[in-house]
Amino acid sequence: MGKEYTVQEALRMAIKAEKESRDFYQKAAAMTANDRARKVFNLLAGEEEQHLEAFFGLYEGGEFGDLQAYLASPPDKSSAGYAALKKAIDRETPEQKALEIALREEKAIIDRYGEFVHDIVDPLVRGIFERVIRETQKHYELIESEYSFLMGMVHESDQDIYVRE
């Protein structure tokens, strides 16, 4: 049997993960020259901020301060995603690298929270993680679609055309 998480522990982990993701997407949007990729990164940053706000509203701990102060706090430069993004900035195709990093990071969150869900008995805590997994899966699919478009692969909106021809 794994560790049982309290609602507050689950919220704390979700808050940290959402903040790291938001910071990553903001940085990726700022570094990209591709307008379409920038819009995707900005959209994802906004959605991560909404998730963060929702979790923050339920969290009873005080170590993050108030929401606005936490949102304004600097990114966690020790996170793997942030470090990889910093390396990608100097590359020839930062949009491609940022999307690749985003795919890995979103997949890691899905996997990590998926493992947590198996050990969670409390339905409220389980629901928190399941919600994060569902929303992260949507992010993964959006990033994957943008990556395919950027790389000139067949976009899912064109797949029926290619299959029929």
N, C-alpha and C. Protein backbone atom coordinates (compact mmCIF):
# COMPACT_ATOMS: atom_id res chain seq x y z
N MET A 1 0.84 -1.18 0.00
CA MET A 1 0.00 0.00 0.00
C MET A 1 0.89 1.24 0.00
N GLY A 2 0.52 2.22 -0.80
CA GLY A 2 1.29 3.44 -0.91
C GLY A 2 0.88 4.46 0.12
N LYS A 3 1.38 5.65 -0.03
CA LYS A 3 1.10 6.73 0.91
C LYS A 3 -0.30 7.28 0.66
N GLU A 4 -1.05 7.50 1.70
CA GLU A 4 -2.36 8.13 1.61
C GLU A 4 -2.17 9.63 1.77
N TYR A 5 -2.67 10.38 0.82
CA TYR A 5 -2.54 11.84 0.84
C TYR A 5 -3.78 12.48 1.42
N THR A 6 -3.56 13.51 2.21
CA THR A 6 -4.68 14.30 2.69
C THR A 6 -5.08 15.27 1.59
N VAL A 7 -6.25 15.85 1.73
CA VAL A 7 -6.71 16.84 0.75
C VAL A 7 -5.70 17.97 0.65
N GLN A 8 -5.20 18.43 1.78
CA GLN A 8 -4.28 19.56 1.78
C GLN A 8 -2.93 19.20 1.15
N GLU A 9 -2.45 17.98 1.35
CA GLU A 9 -1.21 17.54 0.70
C GLU A 9 -1.40 17.49 -0.82
N ALA A 10 -2.54 16.96 -1.24
CA ALA A 10 -2.83 16.88 -2.67
C ALA A 10 -2.91 18.28 -3.28
N LEU A 11 -3.56 19.19 -2.58
CA LEU A 11 -3.67 20.56 -3.07
C LEU A 11 -2.31 21.23 -3.14
N ARG A 12 -1.48 21.03 -2.14
CA ARG A 12 -0.14 21.62 -2.12
C ARG A 12 0.67 21.14 -3.32
N MET A 13 0.63 19.83 -3.60
CA MET A 13 1.36 19.29 -4.75
C MET A 13 0.80 19.84 -6.06
N ALA A 14 -0.52 19.93 -6.15
CA ALA A 14 -1.14 20.44 -7.38
C ALA A 14 -0.80 21.91 -7.59
N ILE A 15 -0.79 22.69 -6.53
CA ILE A 15 -0.45 24.12 -6.62
C ILE A 15 0.97 24.29 -7.14
N LYS A 16 1.90 23.55 -6.58
CA LYS A 16 3.30 23.65 -7.03
C LYS A 16 3.44 23.24 -8.49
N ALA A 17 2.80 22.14 -8.87
CA ALA A 17 2.89 21.66 -10.25
C ALA A 17 2.29 22.66 -11.23
N GLU A 18 1.15 23.24 -10.87
CA GLU A 18 0.49 24.20 -11.76
C GLU A 18 1.33 25.47 -11.90
N LYS A 19 1.94 25.90 -10.81
CA LYS A 19 2.79 27.11 -10.87
C LYS A 19 4.01 26.84 -11.75
N GLU A 20 4.64 25.70 -11.59
CA GLU A 20 5.80 25.36 -12.42
C GLU A 20 5.40 25.32 -13.91
N SER A 21 4.25 24.72 -14.19
CA SER A 21 3.79 24.64 -15.58
C SER A 21 3.48 26.03 -16.13
N ARG A 22 2.81 26.85 -15.34
CA ARG A 22 2.49 28.21 -15.79
C ARG A 22 3.76 29.00 -16.08
N ASP A 23 4.72 28.93 -15.17
CA ASP A 23 5.98 29.65 -15.37
C ASP A 23 6.70 29.15 -16.64
N PHE A 24 6.68 27.84 -16.84
CA PHE A 24 7.30 27.27 -18.03
C PHE A 24 6.65 27.83 -19.29
N TYR A 25 5.32 27.82 -19.35
CA TYR A 25 4.62 28.28 -20.55
C TYR A 25 4.79 29.77 -20.78
N GLN A 26 4.85 30.55 -19.71
CA GLN A 26 5.10 31.97 -19.88
C GLN A 26 6.49 32.21 -20.47
N LYS A 27 7.47 31.49 -19.98
CA LYS A 27 8.83 31.62 -20.50
C LYS A 27 8.90 31.15 -21.95
N ALA A 28 8.24 30.05 -22.26
CA ALA A 28 8.23 29.53 -23.62
C ALA A 28 7.57 30.53 -24.57
N ALA A 29 6.48 31.15 -24.14
CA ALA A 29 5.79 32.14 -24.98
C ALA A 29 6.69 33.34 -25.23
N ALA A 30 7.42 33.76 -24.23
CA ALA A 30 8.29 34.93 -24.36
C ALA A 30 9.47 34.66 -25.28
N MET A 31 9.92 33.41 -25.37
CA MET A 31 11.11 33.11 -26.15
C MET A 31 10.82 32.73 -27.59
N THR A 32 9.57 32.41 -27.92
CA THR A 32 9.28 31.91 -29.25
C THR A 32 9.00 33.03 -30.25
N ALA A 33 9.47 32.84 -31.46
CA ALA A 33 9.22 33.81 -32.52
C ALA A 33 8.01 33.41 -33.36
N ASN A 34 7.58 32.18 -33.25
CA ASN A 34 6.45 31.67 -34.01
C ASN A 34 5.15 32.12 -33.35
N ASP A 35 4.35 32.92 -34.07
CA ASP A 35 3.12 33.47 -33.49
C ASP A 35 2.14 32.39 -33.05
N ARG A 36 1.99 31.37 -33.86
CA ARG A 36 1.05 30.30 -33.52
C ARG A 36 1.49 29.57 -32.25
N ALA A 37 2.78 29.24 -32.16
CA ALA A 37 3.30 28.56 -30.97
C ALA A 37 3.17 29.48 -29.75
N ARG A 38 3.43 30.77 -29.93
CA ARG A 38 3.31 31.71 -28.82
C ARG A 38 1.87 31.74 -28.29
N LYS A 39 0.90 31.73 -29.20
CA LYS A 39 -0.50 31.72 -28.78
C LYS A 39 -0.83 30.46 -27.99
N VAL A 40 -0.30 29.32 -28.43
CA VAL A 40 -0.54 28.07 -27.71
C VAL A 40 0.07 28.14 -26.31
N PHE A 41 1.32 28.61 -26.22
CA PHE A 41 1.97 28.73 -24.92
C PHE A 41 1.22 29.69 -23.99
N ASN A 42 0.77 30.82 -24.53
CA ASN A 42 0.01 31.78 -23.72
C ASN A 42 -1.32 31.19 -23.26
N LEU A 43 -1.99 30.45 -24.14
CA LEU A 43 -3.23 29.78 -23.78
C LEU A 43 -2.99 28.80 -22.64
N LEU A 44 -1.94 27.99 -22.78
CA LEU A 44 -1.63 27.00 -21.74
C LEU A 44 -1.25 27.68 -20.43
N ALA A 45 -0.49 28.78 -20.49
CA ALA A 45 -0.13 29.51 -19.26
C ALA A 45 -1.40 30.01 -18.57
N GLY A 46 -2.33 30.54 -19.35
CA GLY A 46 -3.58 31.02 -18.77
C GLY A 46 -4.40 29.91 -18.13
N GLU A 47 -4.44 28.76 -18.79
CA GLU A 47 -5.18 27.62 -18.22
C GLU A 47 -4.52 27.10 -16.95
N GLU A 48 -3.20 27.06 -16.95
CA GLU A 48 -2.50 26.62 -15.74
C GLU A 48 -2.77 27.59 -14.59
N GLU A 49 -2.83 28.87 -14.90
CA GLU A 49 -3.12 29.87 -13.86
C GLU A 49 -4.54 29.67 -13.32
N GLN A 50 -5.49 29.36 -14.20
CA GLN A 50 -6.86 29.09 -13.73
C GLN A 50 -6.90 27.86 -12.82
N HIS A 51 -6.17 26.81 -13.19
CA HIS A 51 -6.11 25.62 -12.35
C HIS A 51 -5.50 25.97 -10.99
N LEU A 52 -4.42 26.73 -11.04
CA LEU A 52 -3.74 27.16 -9.82
C LEU A 52 -4.69 27.93 -8.92
N GLU A 53 -5.44 28.85 -9.49
CA GLU A 53 -6.39 29.65 -8.71
C GLU A 53 -7.45 28.75 -8.06
N ALA A 54 -7.95 27.77 -8.82
CA ALA A 54 -8.97 26.87 -8.28
C ALA A 54 -8.42 26.07 -7.10
N PHE A 55 -7.21 25.52 -7.25
CA PHE A 55 -6.61 24.76 -6.15
C PHE A 55 -6.27 25.67 -4.97
N PHE A 56 -5.79 26.86 -5.27
CA PHE A 56 -5.41 27.81 -4.23
C PHE A 56 -6.60 28.18 -3.35
N GLY A 57 -7.77 28.30 -3.98
CA GLY A 57 -8.98 28.63 -3.24
C GLY A 57 -9.39 27.58 -2.24
N LEU A 58 -8.98 26.35 -2.45
CA LEU A 58 -9.32 25.25 -1.54
C LEU A 58 -8.24 24.98 -0.51
N TYR A 59 -7.04 25.50 -0.76
CA TYR A 59 -5.91 25.18 0.10
C TYR A 59 -5.94 26.02 1.37
N GLU A 60 -5.71 25.36 2.51
CA GLU A 60 -5.77 26.03 3.81
C GLU A 60 -4.41 26.43 4.35
N GLY A 61 -3.34 25.97 3.74
CA GLY A 61 -2.00 26.29 4.21
C GLY A 61 -1.64 27.73 3.87
N GLY A 62 -0.60 28.23 4.51
CA GLY A 62 -0.21 29.61 4.31
C GLY A 62 1.18 29.81 3.74
N GLU A 63 1.89 28.72 3.41
CA GLU A 63 3.28 28.88 2.99
C GLU A 63 3.45 29.56 1.64
N PHE A 64 2.39 29.64 0.84
CA PHE A 64 2.49 30.28 -0.47
C PHE A 64 2.18 31.78 -0.41
N GLY A 65 1.69 32.26 0.73
CA GLY A 65 1.25 33.65 0.82
C GLY A 65 -0.09 33.80 0.11
N ASP A 66 -0.39 35.03 -0.32
CA ASP A 66 -1.64 35.19 -1.05
C ASP A 66 -1.42 34.84 -2.52
N LEU A 67 -2.51 34.63 -3.23
CA LEU A 67 -2.44 34.16 -4.61
C LEU A 67 -1.63 35.09 -5.50
N GLN A 68 -1.90 36.39 -5.43
CA GLN A 68 -1.19 37.32 -6.31
C GLN A 68 0.31 37.34 -6.05
N ALA A 69 0.68 37.26 -4.79
CA ALA A 69 2.11 37.22 -4.45
C ALA A 69 2.74 35.94 -4.98
N TYR A 70 2.04 34.85 -4.85
CA TYR A 70 2.57 33.57 -5.34
C TYR A 70 2.70 33.58 -6.86
N LEU A 71 1.70 34.12 -7.54
CA LEU A 71 1.77 34.22 -9.00
C LEU A 71 2.94 35.10 -9.45
N ALA A 72 3.22 36.13 -8.67
CA ALA A 72 4.30 37.06 -9.01
C ALA A 72 5.68 36.55 -8.59
N SER A 73 5.72 35.50 -7.80
CA SER A 73 7.01 34.99 -7.33
C SER A 73 7.80 34.41 -8.50
N PRO A 74 9.14 34.45 -8.41
CA PRO A 74 9.96 33.94 -9.51
C PRO A 74 9.78 32.44 -9.71
N PRO A 75 10.04 31.97 -10.92
CA PRO A 75 9.91 30.54 -11.19
C PRO A 75 10.94 29.73 -10.41
N ASP A 76 10.61 28.47 -10.21
CA ASP A 76 11.53 27.53 -9.58
C ASP A 76 12.55 27.11 -10.62
N LYS A 77 13.72 27.69 -10.55
CA LYS A 77 14.75 27.43 -11.56
C LYS A 77 15.39 26.06 -11.40
N SER A 78 15.05 25.36 -10.33
CA SER A 78 15.59 24.02 -10.13
C SER A 78 14.71 22.95 -10.78
N SER A 79 13.54 23.33 -11.29
CA SER A 79 12.67 22.33 -11.91
C SER A 79 13.29 21.86 -13.22
N ALA A 80 13.08 20.60 -13.53
CA ALA A 80 13.68 20.00 -14.73
C ALA A 80 13.19 20.69 -16.00
N GLY A 81 11.92 21.02 -16.06
CA GLY A 81 11.38 21.66 -17.25
C GLY A 81 11.97 23.03 -17.49
N TYR A 82 12.13 23.78 -16.43
CA TYR A 82 12.69 25.13 -16.56
C TYR A 82 14.14 25.06 -17.02
N ALA A 83 14.90 24.15 -16.44
CA ALA A 83 16.32 24.00 -16.82
C ALA A 83 16.44 23.59 -18.29
N ALA A 84 15.60 22.67 -18.74
CA ALA A 84 15.64 22.24 -20.13
C ALA A 84 15.24 23.38 -21.07
N LEU A 85 14.27 24.17 -20.65
CA LEU A 85 13.84 25.30 -21.47
C LEU A 85 14.95 26.33 -21.61
N LYS A 86 15.67 26.59 -20.53
CA LYS A 86 16.80 27.54 -20.59
C LYS A 86 17.82 27.09 -21.62
N LYS A 87 18.10 25.78 -21.69
CA LYS A 87 19.03 25.26 -22.69
C LYS A 87 18.47 25.43 -24.10
N ALA A 88 17.17 25.26 -24.26
CA ALA A 88 16.54 25.33 -25.58
C ALA A 88 16.53 26.74 -26.14
N ILE A 89 16.60 27.74 -25.30
CA ILE A 89 16.53 29.13 -25.76
C ILE A 89 17.64 29.45 -26.75
N ASP A 90 18.80 28.87 -26.56
CA ASP A 90 19.93 29.16 -27.42
C ASP A 90 19.94 28.33 -28.70
N ARG A 91 19.01 27.47 -28.87
CA ARG A 91 18.99 26.60 -30.04
C ARG A 91 18.37 27.29 -31.24
N GLU A 92 18.53 26.67 -32.39
CA GLU A 92 18.02 27.23 -33.64
C GLU A 92 16.50 27.17 -33.70
N THR A 93 15.89 26.15 -33.13
CA THR A 93 14.44 25.99 -33.18
C THR A 93 13.87 25.92 -31.77
N PRO A 94 13.84 27.04 -31.06
CA PRO A 94 13.36 26.99 -29.68
C PRO A 94 11.90 26.57 -29.55
N GLU A 95 11.05 26.90 -30.53
CA GLU A 95 9.64 26.49 -30.45
C GLU A 95 9.54 24.97 -30.43
N GLN A 96 10.28 24.32 -31.33
CA GLN A 96 10.27 22.86 -31.40
C GLN A 96 10.74 22.27 -30.08
N LYS A 97 11.87 22.77 -29.58
CA LYS A 97 12.42 22.23 -28.33
C LYS A 97 11.48 22.49 -27.16
N ALA A 98 10.89 23.69 -27.11
CA ALA A 98 9.96 24.01 -26.03
C ALA A 98 8.75 23.09 -26.08
N LEU A 99 8.24 22.81 -27.26
CA LEU A 99 7.10 21.90 -27.39
C LEU A 99 7.49 20.48 -26.98
N GLU A 100 8.70 20.05 -27.35
CA GLU A 100 9.17 18.72 -26.93
C GLU A 100 9.28 18.63 -25.42
N ILE A 101 9.81 19.67 -24.81
CA ILE A 101 9.93 19.70 -23.34
C ILE A 101 8.54 19.68 -22.72
N ALA A 102 7.64 20.49 -23.27
CA ALA A 102 6.27 20.55 -22.74
C ALA A 102 5.59 19.19 -22.81
N LEU A 103 5.79 18.47 -23.92
CA LEU A 103 5.21 17.14 -24.03
C LEU A 103 5.74 16.22 -22.94
N ARG A 104 7.06 16.25 -22.72
CA ARG A 104 7.66 15.41 -21.67
C ARG A 104 7.12 15.78 -20.29
N GLU A 105 7.04 17.09 -20.02
CA GLU A 105 6.60 17.55 -18.71
C GLU A 105 5.13 17.18 -18.45
N GLU A 106 4.29 17.39 -19.44
CA GLU A 106 2.86 17.04 -19.28
C GLU A 106 2.70 15.54 -19.09
N LYS A 107 3.45 14.75 -19.84
CA LYS A 107 3.38 13.29 -19.70
C LYS A 107 3.86 12.87 -18.32
N ALA A 108 4.90 13.50 -17.82
CA ALA A 108 5.41 13.17 -16.48
C ALA A 108 4.36 13.47 -15.41
N ILE A 109 3.65 14.58 -15.55
CA ILE A 109 2.59 14.91 -14.58
C ILE A 109 1.48 13.87 -14.65
N ILE A 110 1.08 13.50 -15.86
CA ILE A 110 0.03 12.48 -16.02
C ILE A 110 0.47 11.18 -15.34
N ASP A 111 1.69 10.76 -15.59
CA ASP A 111 2.19 9.51 -15.00
C ASP A 111 2.28 9.60 -13.48
N ARG A 112 2.84 10.70 -12.97
CA ARG A 112 3.02 10.86 -11.53
C ARG A 112 1.67 10.86 -10.82
N TYR A 113 0.73 11.66 -11.31
CA TYR A 113 -0.57 11.73 -10.67
C TYR A 113 -1.35 10.43 -10.87
N GLY A 114 -1.12 9.75 -11.99
CA GLY A 114 -1.76 8.46 -12.21
C GLY A 114 -1.33 7.44 -11.16
N GLU A 115 -0.05 7.49 -10.78
CA GLU A 115 0.43 6.60 -9.72
C GLU A 115 -0.19 6.97 -8.38
N PHE A 116 -0.32 8.25 -8.10
CA PHE A 116 -0.93 8.69 -6.84
C PHE A 116 -2.36 8.19 -6.73
N VAL A 117 -3.11 8.28 -7.82
CA VAL A 117 -4.54 7.95 -7.81
C VAL A 117 -4.77 6.52 -7.33
N HIS A 118 -3.86 5.61 -7.67
CA HIS A 118 -4.03 4.21 -7.28
C HIS A 118 -4.02 4.03 -5.77
N ASP A 119 -3.34 4.90 -5.04
CA ASP A 119 -3.20 4.74 -3.60
C ASP A 119 -4.14 5.64 -2.79
N ILE A 120 -4.95 6.42 -3.46
CA ILE A 120 -5.80 7.39 -2.76
C ILE A 120 -7.18 6.80 -2.51
N VAL A 121 -7.57 6.82 -1.24
CA VAL A 121 -8.86 6.30 -0.84
C VAL A 121 -9.90 7.43 -0.76
N ASP A 122 -9.53 8.54 -0.20
CA ASP A 122 -10.45 9.66 -0.02
C ASP A 122 -10.96 10.14 -1.38
N PRO A 123 -12.30 10.13 -1.59
CA PRO A 123 -12.83 10.50 -2.90
C PRO A 123 -12.55 11.95 -3.29
N LEU A 124 -12.47 12.85 -2.34
CA LEU A 124 -12.17 14.24 -2.66
C LEU A 124 -10.74 14.39 -3.16
N VAL A 125 -9.82 13.76 -2.46
CA VAL A 125 -8.42 13.81 -2.87
C VAL A 125 -8.25 13.13 -4.23
N ARG A 126 -8.86 11.98 -4.37
CA ARG A 126 -8.80 11.25 -5.64
C ARG A 126 -9.33 12.13 -6.78
N GLY A 127 -10.42 12.83 -6.52
CA GLY A 127 -11.03 13.71 -7.51
C GLY A 127 -10.10 14.84 -7.93
N ILE A 128 -9.34 15.37 -6.98
CA ILE A 128 -8.38 16.44 -7.29
C ILE A 128 -7.36 15.94 -8.31
N PHE A 129 -6.78 14.79 -8.03
CA PHE A 129 -5.78 14.24 -8.93
C PHE A 129 -6.38 13.83 -10.27
N GLU A 130 -7.57 13.25 -10.26
CA GLU A 130 -8.21 12.86 -11.52
C GLU A 130 -8.50 14.09 -12.38
N ARG A 131 -8.90 15.18 -11.75
CA ARG A 131 -9.15 16.42 -12.49
C ARG A 131 -7.86 16.93 -13.14
N VAL A 132 -6.78 16.93 -12.38
CA VAL A 132 -5.50 17.39 -12.92
C VAL A 132 -5.07 16.49 -14.08
N ILE A 133 -5.27 15.20 -13.94
CA ILE A 133 -4.90 14.27 -15.01
C ILE A 133 -5.70 14.56 -16.28
N ARG A 134 -7.01 14.74 -16.15
CA ARG A 134 -7.84 15.02 -17.33
C ARG A 134 -7.42 16.32 -18.02
N GLU A 135 -7.20 17.36 -17.23
CA GLU A 135 -6.83 18.64 -17.81
C GLU A 135 -5.43 18.59 -18.42
N THR A 136 -4.54 17.86 -17.79
CA THR A 136 -3.19 17.72 -18.32
C THR A 136 -3.20 16.90 -19.61
N GLN A 137 -4.05 15.91 -19.69
CA GLN A 137 -4.17 15.13 -20.93
C GLN A 137 -4.63 16.02 -22.07
N LYS A 138 -5.55 16.94 -21.82
CA LYS A 138 -5.98 17.90 -22.85
C LYS A 138 -4.82 18.79 -23.28
N HIS A 139 -4.02 19.22 -22.32
CA HIS A 139 -2.84 20.03 -22.65
C HIS A 139 -1.89 19.23 -23.53
N TYR A 140 -1.66 17.99 -23.15
CA TYR A 140 -0.75 17.13 -23.91
C TYR A 140 -1.22 17.03 -25.37
N GLU A 141 -2.51 16.82 -25.56
CA GLU A 141 -3.06 16.68 -26.91
C GLU A 141 -2.93 17.98 -27.70
N LEU A 142 -3.14 19.11 -27.06
CA LEU A 142 -2.98 20.40 -27.73
C LEU A 142 -1.53 20.63 -28.14
N ILE A 143 -0.61 20.33 -27.24
CA ILE A 143 0.82 20.50 -27.53
C ILE A 143 1.23 19.55 -28.65
N GLU A 144 0.76 18.33 -28.60
CA GLU A 144 1.08 17.34 -29.62
C GLU A 144 0.58 17.80 -30.99
N SER A 145 -0.60 18.37 -31.03
CA SER A 145 -1.16 18.90 -32.27
C SER A 145 -0.31 20.05 -32.81
N GLU A 146 0.07 20.96 -31.93
CA GLU A 146 0.90 22.10 -32.35
C GLU A 146 2.28 21.63 -32.81
N TYR A 147 2.82 20.65 -32.14
CA TYR A 147 4.12 20.10 -32.53
C TYR A 147 4.03 19.50 -33.94
N SER A 148 2.99 18.73 -34.19
CA SER A 148 2.79 18.14 -35.51
C SER A 148 2.69 19.22 -36.57
N PHE A 149 1.95 20.26 -36.28
CA PHE A 149 1.80 21.37 -37.23
C PHE A 149 3.15 22.04 -37.49
N LEU A 150 3.86 22.35 -36.42
CA LEU A 150 5.15 23.03 -36.54
C LEU A 150 6.16 22.21 -37.34
N MET A 151 6.11 20.89 -37.15
CA MET A 151 7.06 20.00 -37.82
C MET A 151 6.62 19.63 -39.24
N GLY A 152 5.47 20.14 -39.67
CA GLY A 152 4.99 19.86 -41.02
C GLY A 152 4.41 18.47 -41.18
N MET A 153 4.02 17.86 -40.07
CA MET A 153 3.41 16.53 -40.12
C MET A 153 1.95 16.69 -40.51
N VAL A 154 1.31 15.60 -40.86
CA VAL A 154 -0.10 15.64 -41.20
C VAL A 154 -0.86 16.02 -39.94
N HIS A 155 -1.59 17.12 -40.00
CA HIS A 155 -2.39 17.59 -38.87
C HIS A 155 -3.64 16.74 -38.76
N GLU A 156 -4.14 16.54 -37.53
CA GLU A 156 -5.30 15.67 -37.35
C GLU A 156 -6.52 16.15 -38.13
N SER A 157 -6.62 17.44 -38.40
CA SER A 157 -7.77 17.94 -39.17
C SER A 157 -7.67 17.53 -40.63
N ASP A 158 -6.48 17.14 -41.10
CA ASP A 158 -6.28 16.71 -42.48
C ASP A 158 -6.21 15.19 -42.63
N GLN A 159 -6.24 14.46 -41.53
CA GLN A 159 -6.02 13.02 -41.61
C GLN A 159 -7.06 12.30 -42.45
N ASP A 160 -8.32 12.70 -42.37
CA ASP A 160 -9.36 12.05 -43.16
C ASP A 160 -9.09 12.22 -44.65
N ILE A 161 -8.59 13.36 -45.04
CA ILE A 161 -8.29 13.63 -46.44
C ILE A 161 -7.22 12.68 -46.92
N TYR A 162 -6.14 12.53 -46.16
CA TYR A 162 -5.04 11.66 -46.57
C TYR A 162 -5.43 10.19 -46.55
N VAL A 163 -6.27 9.80 -45.65
CA VAL A 163 -6.69 8.40 -45.57
C VAL A 163 -7.55 8.05 -46.76
N ARG A 164 -8.42 8.96 -47.20
CA ARG A 164 -9.33 8.68 -48.31
C ARG A 164 -8.64 8.72 -49.67
N GLU A 165 -7.55 9.47 -49.79
CA GLU A 165 -6.91 9.63 -51.10
C GLU A 165 -6.05 8.47 -51.48
